Amino acid sequence: MKKDQVPQDDGSLSKKDIHELCYAVDENGNYTTVQSSGWNVKSAALDESMELIQERIDQTKKEIAEGKISSLAYFMEVHRMDISVLASYAGIHRWFVKRHFNPKRFKKLSNKTLKKYADVFEISLEELKNYKPD
């Protein structure tokens, strides 16, 4: 894309007076950096993905309230992780992480194990143990 063709649409970045750095070709055919205030297509895609993430978080809250899963799932969703990422960060095998989504098993976990999860999410042990959905 040429330097003068870099999109300058009103997007989520322009509302915060932040610009995105993009690469473009200048008049000499060399790559250079150009600031962009946004691009409608990119903003629409990001907005839709954020809506999908929020739907997953809301569903997780509902399942926690119904006693189907533990609070671990909520914090995983809020931090945009999946089981593999959480397992890697916590240093716990994926199979165990998946088992810890069971509320009965979660309540039996040692403080040492819970602390690993709390550290990953940068929350207190009590917040992890006592999370109640709104």
N, C-alpha and C. Protein backbone atom coordinates (compact mmCIF):
# COMPACT_ATOMS: atom_id res chain seq x y z
N MET A 1 0.85 -1.15 0.00
CA MET A 1 0.00 0.00 0.00
C MET A 1 0.91 1.23 0.00
N LYS A 2 0.47 2.23 -0.73
CA LYS A 2 1.25 3.46 -0.80
C LYS A 2 1.00 4.32 0.44
N LYS A 3 1.97 5.17 0.70
CA LYS A 3 1.95 6.00 1.90
C LYS A 3 0.67 6.84 2.00
N ASP A 4 0.21 7.37 0.88
CA ASP A 4 -0.98 8.23 0.90
C ASP A 4 -2.29 7.42 0.90
N GLN A 5 -2.20 6.09 0.84
CA GLN A 5 -3.39 5.24 0.84
C GLN A 5 -3.64 4.57 2.19
N VAL A 6 -2.81 4.85 3.19
CA VAL A 6 -2.99 4.25 4.51
C VAL A 6 -4.31 4.75 5.09
N PRO A 7 -5.21 3.85 5.51
CA PRO A 7 -6.53 4.26 6.00
C PRO A 7 -6.44 5.19 7.22
N GLN A 8 -7.31 6.17 7.24
CA GLN A 8 -7.39 7.10 8.37
C GLN A 8 -8.85 7.19 8.82
N ASP A 9 -9.51 6.04 8.90
CA ASP A 9 -10.93 6.00 9.29
C ASP A 9 -11.06 6.20 10.79
N ASP A 10 -12.24 6.63 11.19
CA ASP A 10 -12.53 6.71 12.62
C ASP A 10 -12.75 5.30 13.13
N GLY A 11 -11.90 4.89 14.04
CA GLY A 11 -12.01 3.56 14.61
C GLY A 11 -11.89 3.63 16.11
N SER A 12 -11.74 2.47 16.75
CA SER A 12 -11.63 2.44 18.19
C SER A 12 -10.38 3.14 18.69
N LEU A 13 -9.34 3.18 17.86
CA LEU A 13 -8.11 3.87 18.26
C LEU A 13 -8.28 5.38 18.23
N SER A 14 -8.99 5.90 17.23
CA SER A 14 -9.11 7.34 17.08
C SER A 14 -9.87 7.98 18.24
N LYS A 15 -10.72 7.21 18.89
CA LYS A 15 -11.48 7.72 20.04
C LYS A 15 -10.57 8.01 21.23
N LYS A 16 -9.43 7.35 21.26
CA LYS A 16 -8.50 7.51 22.38
C LYS A 16 -7.27 8.31 21.98
N ASP A 17 -7.32 8.93 20.81
CA ASP A 17 -6.20 9.72 20.28
C ASP A 17 -4.91 8.90 20.23
N ILE A 18 -5.07 7.64 19.81
CA ILE A 18 -3.94 6.73 19.65
C ILE A 18 -3.86 6.37 18.17
N HIS A 19 -2.66 6.17 17.70
CA HIS A 19 -2.48 5.80 16.30
C HIS A 19 -1.76 4.47 16.20
N GLU A 20 -2.06 3.77 15.14
CA GLU A 20 -1.41 2.49 14.86
C GLU A 20 -0.30 2.74 13.85
N LEU A 21 0.80 2.06 14.04
CA LEU A 21 1.93 2.20 13.12
C LEU A 21 1.80 1.16 12.01
N CYS A 22 1.81 1.63 10.77
CA CYS A 22 1.67 0.74 9.61
C CYS A 22 2.87 0.94 8.68
N TYR A 23 3.13 -0.06 7.89
CA TYR A 23 4.18 0.05 6.88
C TYR A 23 3.54 0.37 5.55
N ALA A 24 4.18 1.27 4.81
CA ALA A 24 3.69 1.65 3.49
C ALA A 24 4.90 1.98 2.61
N VAL A 25 4.62 2.09 1.33
CA VAL A 25 5.68 2.39 0.36
C VAL A 25 5.65 3.89 0.08
N ASP A 26 6.81 4.54 0.20
CA ASP A 26 6.86 5.98 -0.07
C ASP A 26 7.02 6.24 -1.56
N GLU A 27 7.17 7.52 -1.93
CA GLU A 27 7.26 7.90 -3.34
C GLU A 27 8.51 7.36 -4.04
N ASN A 28 9.52 6.94 -3.27
CA ASN A 28 10.75 6.38 -3.85
C ASN A 28 10.71 4.85 -3.93
N GLY A 29 9.60 4.26 -3.48
CA GLY A 29 9.46 2.80 -3.51
C GLY A 29 10.06 2.10 -2.30
N ASN A 30 10.44 2.87 -1.29
CA ASN A 30 11.01 2.30 -0.06
C ASN A 30 9.92 2.16 1.00
N TYR A 31 10.09 1.11 1.83
CA TYR A 31 9.14 0.94 2.93
C TYR A 31 9.41 1.98 4.01
N THR A 32 8.34 2.51 4.55
CA THR A 32 8.42 3.48 5.63
C THR A 32 7.24 3.26 6.57
N THR A 33 7.30 3.88 7.72
CA THR A 33 6.20 3.75 8.66
C THR A 33 5.29 4.97 8.55
N VAL A 34 3.99 4.70 8.73
CA VAL A 34 2.97 5.75 8.66
C VAL A 34 1.99 5.51 9.79
N GLN A 35 1.54 6.58 10.43
CA GLN A 35 0.54 6.43 11.48
C GLN A 35 -0.85 6.40 10.86
N SER A 36 -1.68 5.52 11.42
CA SER A 36 -3.07 5.40 10.96
C SER A 36 -3.99 5.53 12.16
N SER A 37 -5.06 6.28 11.98
CA SER A 37 -6.02 6.42 13.07
C SER A 37 -7.01 5.26 13.10
N GLY A 38 -7.01 4.43 12.09
CA GLY A 38 -7.88 3.26 12.09
C GLY A 38 -8.33 2.87 10.70
N TRP A 39 -8.99 1.74 10.65
CA TRP A 39 -9.51 1.21 9.40
C TRP A 39 -10.84 0.56 9.73
N ASN A 40 -11.90 0.97 9.06
CA ASN A 40 -13.25 0.49 9.37
C ASN A 40 -13.36 -1.03 9.36
N VAL A 41 -12.73 -1.66 8.39
CA VAL A 41 -12.82 -3.12 8.28
C VAL A 41 -12.18 -3.79 9.51
N LYS A 42 -11.01 -3.30 9.89
CA LYS A 42 -10.32 -3.87 11.05
C LYS A 42 -11.12 -3.60 12.32
N SER A 43 -11.66 -2.40 12.45
CA SER A 43 -12.46 -2.06 13.64
C SER A 43 -13.69 -2.95 13.75
N ALA A 44 -14.34 -3.20 12.64
CA ALA A 44 -15.53 -4.06 12.65
C ALA A 44 -15.17 -5.48 13.06
N ALA A 45 -14.05 -5.99 12.55
CA ALA A 45 -13.62 -7.35 12.91
C ALA A 45 -13.25 -7.43 14.39
N LEU A 46 -12.55 -6.43 14.90
CA LEU A 46 -12.19 -6.42 16.32
C LEU A 46 -13.42 -6.30 17.21
N ASP A 47 -14.37 -5.46 16.82
CA ASP A 47 -15.60 -5.30 17.61
C ASP A 47 -16.37 -6.62 17.67
N GLU A 48 -16.45 -7.30 16.54
CA GLU A 48 -17.17 -8.57 16.51
C GLU A 48 -16.47 -9.62 17.37
N SER A 49 -15.14 -9.68 17.31
CA SER A 49 -14.43 -10.66 18.12
C SER A 49 -14.59 -10.34 19.61
N MET A 50 -14.61 -9.07 19.97
CA MET A 50 -14.82 -8.69 21.38
C MET A 50 -16.22 -9.09 21.85
N GLU A 51 -17.20 -8.96 20.97
CA GLU A 51 -18.57 -9.39 21.31
C GLU A 51 -18.61 -10.90 21.55
N LEU A 52 -17.92 -11.66 20.72
CA LEU A 52 -17.89 -13.12 20.89
C LEU A 52 -17.21 -13.50 22.21
N ILE A 53 -16.13 -12.80 22.54
CA ILE A 53 -15.45 -13.06 23.80
C ILE A 53 -16.38 -12.76 24.97
N GLN A 54 -17.10 -11.64 24.89
CA GLN A 54 -18.03 -11.28 25.96
C GLN A 54 -19.14 -12.32 26.10
N GLU A 55 -19.63 -12.85 24.99
CA GLU A 55 -20.64 -13.91 25.04
C GLU A 55 -20.11 -15.14 25.76
N ARG A 56 -18.86 -15.50 25.48
CA ARG A 56 -18.24 -16.66 26.16
C ARG A 56 -18.10 -16.40 27.65
N ILE A 57 -17.71 -15.18 28.02
CA ILE A 57 -17.58 -14.83 29.43
C ILE A 57 -18.93 -14.90 30.11
N ASP A 58 -19.97 -14.37 29.47
CA ASP A 58 -21.32 -14.40 30.04
C ASP A 58 -21.82 -15.84 30.21
N GLN A 59 -21.55 -16.69 29.22
CA GLN A 59 -21.94 -18.10 29.31
C GLN A 59 -21.20 -18.78 30.46
N THR A 60 -19.93 -18.46 30.61
CA THR A 60 -19.14 -19.04 31.70
C THR A 60 -19.70 -18.63 33.05
N LYS A 61 -20.06 -17.35 33.19
CA LYS A 61 -20.67 -16.88 34.45
C LYS A 61 -21.95 -17.64 34.76
N LYS A 62 -22.74 -17.87 33.73
CA LYS A 62 -24.01 -18.60 33.90
C LYS A 62 -23.74 -20.03 34.39
N GLU A 63 -22.76 -20.68 33.79
CA GLU A 63 -22.44 -22.06 34.16
C GLU A 63 -21.86 -22.13 35.57
N ILE A 64 -21.11 -21.11 35.98
CA ILE A 64 -20.60 -21.07 37.36
C ILE A 64 -21.76 -20.92 38.33
N ALA A 65 -22.69 -20.02 38.02
CA ALA A 65 -23.86 -19.81 38.88
C ALA A 65 -24.70 -21.08 39.01
N GLU A 66 -24.74 -21.88 37.95
CA GLU A 66 -25.49 -23.13 37.96
C GLU A 66 -24.71 -24.28 38.60
N GLY A 67 -23.46 -24.02 38.98
CA GLY A 67 -22.65 -25.05 39.62
C GLY A 67 -22.07 -26.07 38.67
N LYS A 68 -22.01 -25.73 37.39
CA LYS A 68 -21.51 -26.68 36.39
C LYS A 68 -19.99 -26.64 36.25
N ILE A 69 -19.39 -25.46 36.46
CA ILE A 69 -17.94 -25.33 36.34
C ILE A 69 -17.41 -24.44 37.46
N SER A 70 -16.10 -24.48 37.65
CA SER A 70 -15.46 -23.69 38.70
C SER A 70 -15.11 -22.29 38.21
N SER A 71 -14.71 -21.44 39.13
CA SER A 71 -14.33 -20.07 38.79
C SER A 71 -13.08 -20.02 37.91
N LEU A 72 -12.35 -21.09 37.88
CA LEU A 72 -11.15 -21.17 37.06
C LEU A 72 -11.48 -20.85 35.59
N ALA A 73 -12.61 -21.35 35.13
CA ALA A 73 -13.02 -21.13 33.74
C ALA A 73 -13.28 -19.65 33.46
N TYR A 74 -13.88 -18.95 34.43
CA TYR A 74 -14.15 -17.52 34.26
C TYR A 74 -12.85 -16.74 34.09
N PHE A 75 -11.91 -16.95 34.98
CA PHE A 75 -10.66 -16.20 34.91
C PHE A 75 -9.86 -16.56 33.66
N MET A 76 -9.98 -17.80 33.22
CA MET A 76 -9.32 -18.20 31.98
C MET A 76 -9.91 -17.43 30.80
N GLU A 77 -11.24 -17.34 30.74
CA GLU A 77 -11.90 -16.62 29.65
C GLU A 77 -11.57 -15.12 29.68
N VAL A 78 -11.62 -14.53 30.86
CA VAL A 78 -11.36 -13.09 31.00
C VAL A 78 -9.94 -12.75 30.54
N HIS A 79 -9.02 -13.66 30.78
CA HIS A 79 -7.63 -13.44 30.38
C HIS A 79 -7.34 -13.97 28.98
N ARG A 80 -8.40 -14.35 28.26
CA ARG A 80 -8.31 -14.79 26.87
C ARG A 80 -7.31 -15.93 26.68
N MET A 81 -7.47 -16.92 27.55
CA MET A 81 -6.61 -18.11 27.47
C MET A 81 -7.45 -19.31 27.09
N ASP A 82 -6.78 -20.37 26.69
CA ASP A 82 -7.43 -21.66 26.56
C ASP A 82 -6.74 -22.60 27.55
N ILE A 83 -7.19 -23.83 27.60
CA ILE A 83 -6.66 -24.77 28.59
C ILE A 83 -5.16 -24.98 28.40
N SER A 84 -4.71 -25.09 27.19
CA SER A 84 -3.29 -25.32 26.94
C SER A 84 -2.43 -24.15 27.43
N VAL A 85 -2.88 -22.95 27.17
CA VAL A 85 -2.12 -21.77 27.60
C VAL A 85 -2.10 -21.68 29.12
N LEU A 86 -3.26 -21.87 29.74
CA LEU A 86 -3.33 -21.82 31.20
C LEU A 86 -2.44 -22.90 31.82
N ALA A 87 -2.50 -24.09 31.27
CA ALA A 87 -1.67 -25.20 31.79
C ALA A 87 -0.19 -24.85 31.69
N SER A 88 0.20 -24.28 30.58
CA SER A 88 1.59 -23.91 30.38
C SER A 88 2.03 -22.84 31.38
N TYR A 89 1.23 -21.80 31.55
CA TYR A 89 1.57 -20.71 32.46
C TYR A 89 1.60 -21.18 33.92
N ALA A 90 0.68 -22.05 34.27
CA ALA A 90 0.59 -22.51 35.67
C ALA A 90 1.56 -23.65 35.96
N GLY A 91 2.07 -24.29 34.93
CA GLY A 91 2.96 -25.42 35.13
C GLY A 91 2.21 -26.66 35.60
N ILE A 92 0.98 -26.79 35.14
CA ILE A 92 0.12 -27.92 35.50
C ILE A 92 -0.32 -28.59 34.20
N HIS A 93 -0.31 -29.90 34.16
CA HIS A 93 -0.69 -30.62 32.95
C HIS A 93 -2.12 -30.28 32.54
N ARG A 94 -2.34 -30.20 31.22
CA ARG A 94 -3.67 -29.85 30.68
C ARG A 94 -4.77 -30.74 31.23
N TRP A 95 -4.49 -32.01 31.36
CA TRP A 95 -5.49 -32.96 31.84
C TRP A 95 -5.97 -32.55 33.23
N PHE A 96 -5.04 -32.13 34.10
CA PHE A 96 -5.42 -31.71 35.44
C PHE A 96 -6.18 -30.39 35.41
N VAL A 97 -5.74 -29.46 34.57
CA VAL A 97 -6.44 -28.18 34.46
C VAL A 97 -7.89 -28.42 34.09
N LYS A 98 -8.11 -29.29 33.13
CA LYS A 98 -9.48 -29.59 32.69
C LYS A 98 -10.29 -30.20 33.84
N ARG A 99 -9.67 -31.05 34.63
CA ARG A 99 -10.35 -31.65 35.78
C ARG A 99 -10.68 -30.60 36.84
N HIS A 100 -9.84 -29.58 36.94
CA HIS A 100 -10.05 -28.53 37.94
C HIS A 100 -11.22 -27.61 37.60
N PHE A 101 -11.78 -27.77 36.42
CA PHE A 101 -12.99 -27.02 36.07
C PHE A 101 -14.21 -27.59 36.78
N ASN A 102 -14.09 -28.80 37.26
CA ASN A 102 -15.18 -29.42 38.02
C ASN A 102 -15.23 -28.75 39.40
N PRO A 103 -16.38 -28.15 39.77
CA PRO A 103 -16.46 -27.42 41.04
C PRO A 103 -16.10 -28.26 42.27
N LYS A 104 -16.49 -29.54 42.30
CA LYS A 104 -16.19 -30.39 43.45
C LYS A 104 -14.69 -30.63 43.56
N ARG A 105 -14.03 -30.87 42.44
CA ARG A 105 -12.58 -31.07 42.46
C ARG A 105 -11.85 -29.77 42.78
N PHE A 106 -12.37 -28.68 42.26
CA PHE A 106 -11.75 -27.37 42.49
C PHE A 106 -11.73 -27.04 43.98
N LYS A 107 -12.82 -27.33 44.68
CA LYS A 107 -12.90 -27.04 46.11
C LYS A 107 -11.90 -27.85 46.93
N LYS A 108 -11.47 -28.99 46.40
CA LYS A 108 -10.54 -29.85 47.13
C LYS A 108 -9.07 -29.53 46.82
N LEU A 109 -8.82 -28.59 45.92
CA LEU A 109 -7.44 -28.28 45.54
C LEU A 109 -6.68 -27.65 46.70
N SER A 110 -5.41 -27.95 46.77
CA SER A 110 -4.56 -27.38 47.82
C SER A 110 -4.31 -25.90 47.53
N ASN A 111 -3.97 -25.17 48.56
CA ASN A 111 -3.64 -23.75 48.38
C ASN A 111 -2.43 -23.58 47.47
N LYS A 112 -1.53 -24.54 47.50
CA LYS A 112 -0.34 -24.48 46.64
C LYS A 112 -0.74 -24.49 45.16
N THR A 113 -1.65 -25.38 44.81
CA THR A 113 -2.12 -25.46 43.42
C THR A 113 -2.92 -24.22 43.06
N LEU A 114 -3.81 -23.81 43.95
CA LEU A 114 -4.62 -22.62 43.69
C LEU A 114 -3.76 -21.37 43.54
N LYS A 115 -2.67 -21.32 44.29
CA LYS A 115 -1.77 -20.17 44.23
C LYS A 115 -1.13 -20.07 42.85
N LYS A 116 -0.84 -21.22 42.23
CA LYS A 116 -0.29 -21.21 40.87
C LYS A 116 -1.26 -20.52 39.91
N TYR A 117 -2.54 -20.89 40.03
CA TYR A 117 -3.56 -20.27 39.17
C TYR A 117 -3.71 -18.78 39.50
N ALA A 118 -3.78 -18.45 40.77
CA ALA A 118 -3.94 -17.06 41.18
C ALA A 118 -2.78 -16.20 40.68
N ASP A 119 -1.59 -16.74 40.72
CA ASP A 119 -0.42 -16.00 40.23
C ASP A 119 -0.52 -15.74 38.72
N VAL A 120 -0.99 -16.74 37.99
CA VAL A 120 -1.15 -16.57 36.54
C VAL A 120 -2.14 -15.45 36.25
N PHE A 121 -3.24 -15.42 37.00
CA PHE A 121 -4.29 -14.43 36.77
C PHE A 121 -4.03 -13.09 37.48
N GLU A 122 -2.96 -13.06 38.28
CA GLU A 122 -2.59 -11.88 39.06
C GLU A 122 -3.74 -11.42 39.95
N ILE A 123 -4.31 -12.40 40.68
CA ILE A 123 -5.37 -12.14 41.65
C ILE A 123 -4.99 -12.83 42.95
N SER A 124 -5.75 -12.52 44.00
CA SER A 124 -5.48 -13.16 45.28
C SER A 124 -6.07 -14.56 45.31
N LEU A 125 -5.56 -15.35 46.22
CA LEU A 125 -6.07 -16.70 46.41
C LEU A 125 -7.55 -16.67 46.79
N GLU A 126 -7.91 -15.72 47.65
CA GLU A 126 -9.30 -15.59 48.10
C GLU A 126 -10.23 -15.22 46.95
N GLU A 127 -9.74 -14.34 46.08
CA GLU A 127 -10.57 -13.94 44.93
C GLU A 127 -10.84 -15.13 44.02
N LEU A 128 -9.84 -15.97 43.82
CA LEU A 128 -10.01 -17.16 43.00
C LEU A 128 -10.98 -18.15 43.65
N LYS A 129 -10.80 -18.37 44.94
CA LYS A 129 -11.64 -19.33 45.67
C LYS A 129 -13.09 -18.87 45.80
N ASN A 130 -13.28 -17.58 46.03
CA ASN A 130 -14.61 -17.07 46.39
C ASN A 130 -15.31 -16.29 45.30
N TYR A 131 -14.90 -16.44 44.05
CA TYR A 131 -15.54 -15.70 42.97
C TYR A 131 -17.00 -16.11 42.83
N LYS A 132 -17.87 -15.09 42.78
CA LYS A 132 -19.29 -15.32 42.54
C LYS A 132 -19.69 -14.44 41.36
N PRO A 133 -20.30 -15.03 40.33
CA PRO A 133 -20.72 -14.22 39.17
C PRO A 133 -21.80 -13.21 39.58
N ASP A 134 -21.79 -12.09 38.88
CA ASP A 134 -22.76 -11.02 39.17
C ASP A 134 -24.18 -11.51 39.02
